[in-house]
C-alpha atoms as a PDB file:
ATOM      1  CA  MET A   1     106.924  18.326 144.845  1.00  0.00           C
ATOM      2  CA  TYR A   2     109.266  21.427 144.757  1.00  0.00           C
ATOM      3  CA  SER A   3     110.659  23.605 147.939  1.00  0.00           C
ATOM      4  CA  TYR A   4     110.441  27.560 146.639  1.00  0.00           C
ATOM      5  CA  PRO A   5     113.952  29.592 148.292  1.00  0.00           C
ATOM      6  CA  PRO A   6     111.576  31.745 151.318  1.00  0.00           C
ATOM      7  CA  ALA A   7     111.319  34.870 150.049  1.00  0.00           C
ATOM      8  CA  ARG A   8     111.526  37.761 152.865  1.00  0.00           C
ATOM      9  CA  ILE A   9     108.363  40.005 153.449  1.00  0.00           C
ATOM     10  CA  GLY A  10     109.753  43.537 153.702  1.00  0.00           C
ATOM     11  CA  GLY A  11     108.102  46.306 155.276  1.00  0.00           C
ATOM     12  CA  ASP A  12     108.095  49.422 152.844  1.00  0.00           C
ATOM     13  CA  VAL A  13     104.693  51.014 152.335  1.00  0.00           C
ATOM     14  CA  ASP A  14     103.718  54.399 149.871  1.00  0.00           C
ATOM     15  CA  ASP A  15     101.409  56.574 150.624  1.00  0.00           C
ATOM     16  CA  TYR A  16      99.310  56.925 147.546  1.00  0.00           C
ATOM     17  CA  HIS A  17      97.115  60.371 148.453  1.00  0.00           C
ATOM     18  CA  GLY A  18      96.467  58.714 151.943  1.00  0.00           C
ATOM     19  CA  GLU A  19      95.970  55.360 150.877  1.00  0.00           C
ATOM     20  CA  GLN A  20      98.824  52.587 152.531  1.00  0.00           C
ATOM     21  CA  ILE A  21     100.117  50.168 149.912  1.00  0.00           C
ATOM     22  CA  ALA A  22     102.261  47.552 150.980  1.00  0.00           C
ATOM     23  CA  ASP A  23     105.246  46.760 148.462  1.00  0.00           C
ATOM     24  CA  PRO A  24     106.802  43.574 151.094  1.00  0.00           C
ATOM     25  CA  TYR A  25     108.785  42.466 148.145  1.00  0.00           C
ATOM     26  CA  ARG A  26     110.312  46.084 146.622  1.00  0.00           C
ATOM     27  CA  TRP A  27     113.643  44.462 148.098  1.00  0.00           C
ATOM     28  CA  LEU A  28     113.663  41.688 145.176  1.00  0.00           C
ATOM     29  CA  GLU A  29     113.767  45.193 142.804  1.00  0.00           C
ATOM     30  CA  THR A  30     117.464  45.697 144.100  1.00  0.00           C
ATOM     31  CA  THR A  31     118.893  42.669 141.395  1.00  0.00           C
ATOM     32  CA  THR A  32     122.300  43.973 142.506  1.00  0.00           C
ATOM     33  CA  ASP A  33     121.955  43.456 146.505  1.00  0.00           C
ATOM     34  CA  PRO A  34     123.912  39.943 147.633  1.00  0.00           C
ATOM     35  CA  GLU A  35     120.044  38.630 149.010  1.00  0.00           C
ATOM     36  CA  THR A  36     118.514  39.632 145.663  1.00  0.00           C
ATOM     37  CA  VAL A  37     121.039  37.858 143.965  1.00  0.00           C
ATOM     38  CA  SER A  38     121.001  34.389 145.912  1.00  0.00           C
ATOM     39  CA  TRP A  39     117.316  34.326 146.193  1.00  0.00           C
ATOM     40  CA  ILE A  40     117.371  34.699 141.859  1.00  0.00           C
ATOM     41  CA  LYS A  41     119.962  32.184 141.910  1.00  0.00           C
ATOM     42  CA  ALA A  42     117.784  29.915 143.742  1.00  0.00           C
ATOM     43  CA  GLU A  43     114.429  30.466 141.997  1.00  0.00           C
ATOM     44  CA  ASN A  44     117.408  30.215 138.774  1.00  0.00           C
ATOM     45  CA  GLU A  45     117.804  26.548 140.495  1.00  0.00           C
ATOM     46  CA  LEU A  46     114.239  25.163 141.001  1.00  0.00           C
ATOM     47  CA  THR A  47     113.254  26.971 137.525  1.00  0.00           C
ATOM     48  CA  ASP A  48     116.481  24.823 135.776  1.00  0.00           C
ATOM     49  CA  SER A  49     115.509  21.738 137.275  1.00  0.00           C
ATOM     50  CA  TYR A  50     111.531  21.060 136.100  1.00  0.00           C
ATOM     51  CA  LEU A  51     112.486  22.175 132.745  1.00  0.00           C
ATOM     52  CA  ALA A  52     115.110  19.672 132.436  1.00  0.00           C
ATOM     53  CA  ALA A  53     113.094  17.017 133.723  1.00  0.00           C
ATOM     54  CA  VAL A  54     110.154  18.361 130.742  1.00  0.00           C
ATOM     55  CA  PRO A  55     110.201  15.540 127.870  1.00  0.00           C
ATOM     56  CA  ALA A  56     109.100  17.690 125.204  1.00  0.00           C
ATOM     57  CA  ARG A  57     111.915  20.141 126.260  1.00  0.00           C
ATOM     58  CA  GLU A  58     114.103  19.741 123.050  1.00  0.00           C
ATOM     59  CA  SER A  59     112.170  19.180 120.414  1.00  0.00           C
ATOM     60  CA  ILE A  60     109.524  22.871 121.590  1.00  0.00           C
ATOM     61  CA  ARG A  61     113.248  24.277 121.452  1.00  0.00           C
ATOM     62  CA  GLU A  62     113.862  22.694 117.789  1.00  0.00           C
ATOM     63  CA  GLN A  63     110.367  23.836 116.713  1.00  0.00           C
ATOM     64  CA  LEU A  64     110.461  27.232 117.821  1.00  0.00           C
ATOM     65  CA  THR A  65     114.103  27.439 117.036  1.00  0.00           C
ATOM     66  CA  ALA A  66     112.219  26.785 113.471  1.00  0.00           C
ATOM     67  CA  LEU A  67     109.797  28.742 113.802  1.00  0.00           C
ATOM     68  CA  TRP A  68     112.302  32.444 115.245  1.00  0.00           C
ATOM     69  CA  ASP A  69     114.734  31.278 112.085  1.00  0.00           C
ATOM     70  CA  TYR A  70     113.805  33.217 109.241  1.00  0.00           C
ATOM     71  CA  PRO A  71     115.374  35.861 107.019  1.00  0.00           C
ATOM     72  CA  ARG A  72     114.722  39.231 108.606  1.00  0.00           C
ATOM     73  CA  ALA A  73     114.309  42.298 107.068  1.00  0.00           C
ATOM     74  CA  GLY A  74     114.816  46.104 108.120  1.00  0.00           C
ATOM     75  CA  ALA A  75     114.281  49.615 107.194  1.00  0.00           C
ATOM     76  CA  GLY A  76     118.093  50.250 106.749  1.00  0.00           C
ATOM     77  CA  LYS A  77     119.583  53.070 108.374  1.00  0.00           C
ATOM     78  CA  PRO A  78     118.030  56.655 108.872  1.00  0.00           C
ATOM     79  CA  THR A  79     120.423  59.465 107.323  1.00  0.00           C
ATOM     80  CA  ALA A  80     119.740  62.459 107.709  1.00  0.00           C
ATOM     81  CA  LYS A  81     120.278  65.598 106.106  1.00  0.00           C
ATOM     82  CA  ALA A  82     121.263  69.276 108.110  1.00  0.00           C
ATOM     83  CA  ILE A  83     119.247  72.254 106.390  1.00  0.00           C
ATOM     84  CA  ALA A  84     120.868  74.821 108.515  1.00  0.00           C
ATOM     85  CA  ALA A  85     124.996  75.095 107.680  1.00  0.00           C
ATOM     86  CA  ASP A  86     125.372  75.398 111.555  1.00  0.00           C
ATOM     87  CA  THR A  87     127.941  72.356 111.410  1.00  0.00           C
ATOM     88  CA  ASP A  88     127.310  72.037 115.203  1.00  0.00           C
ATOM     89  CA  VAL A  89     124.188  70.538 113.984  1.00  0.00           C
ATOM     90  CA  LEU A  90     125.896  68.119 111.336  1.00  0.00           C
ATOM     91  CA  ALA A  91     128.236  67.338 112.954  1.00  0.00           C
ATOM     92  CA  PHE A  92     125.915  65.598 115.673  1.00  0.00           C
ATOM     93  CA  LEU A  93     123.705  64.499 113.536  1.00  0.00           C
ATOM     94  CA  GLU A  94     126.438  62.224 111.737  1.00  0.00           C
ATOM     95  CA  ALA A  95     127.731  60.924 115.295  1.00  0.00           C
ATOM     96  CA  VAL A  96     124.719  59.809 116.152  1.00  0.00           C
ATOM     97  CA  LEU A  97     122.689  58.758 112.691  1.00  0.00           C
ATOM     98  CA  GLY A  98     126.274  58.204 110.031  1.00  0.00           C
ATOM     99  CA  PRO A  99     126.769  60.622 106.569  1.00  0.00           C
ATOM    100  CA  ALA A 100     124.439  61.601 105.197  1.00  0.00           C
END
């Protein structure tokens, strides 16, 4: 059986129009916090160990790759022309969208 990493239960509570709503795992939203990084690493190790044991994993990967690997076409690069002779607007549009 798998042993999940413990997740601390925090005491954060929000007040929404007089209704107290607990958010005990808000601390996990700060993904750069060392405690969160450690918890995510432990979760990833657990997930990887489970997925590594799936017998059909490589077959599934090959099937998904075949489905997702197809030629793609897009609408192309957007262009813009400045209606006014305002060079600042034109320079901005060209900087963002490229030459018209």
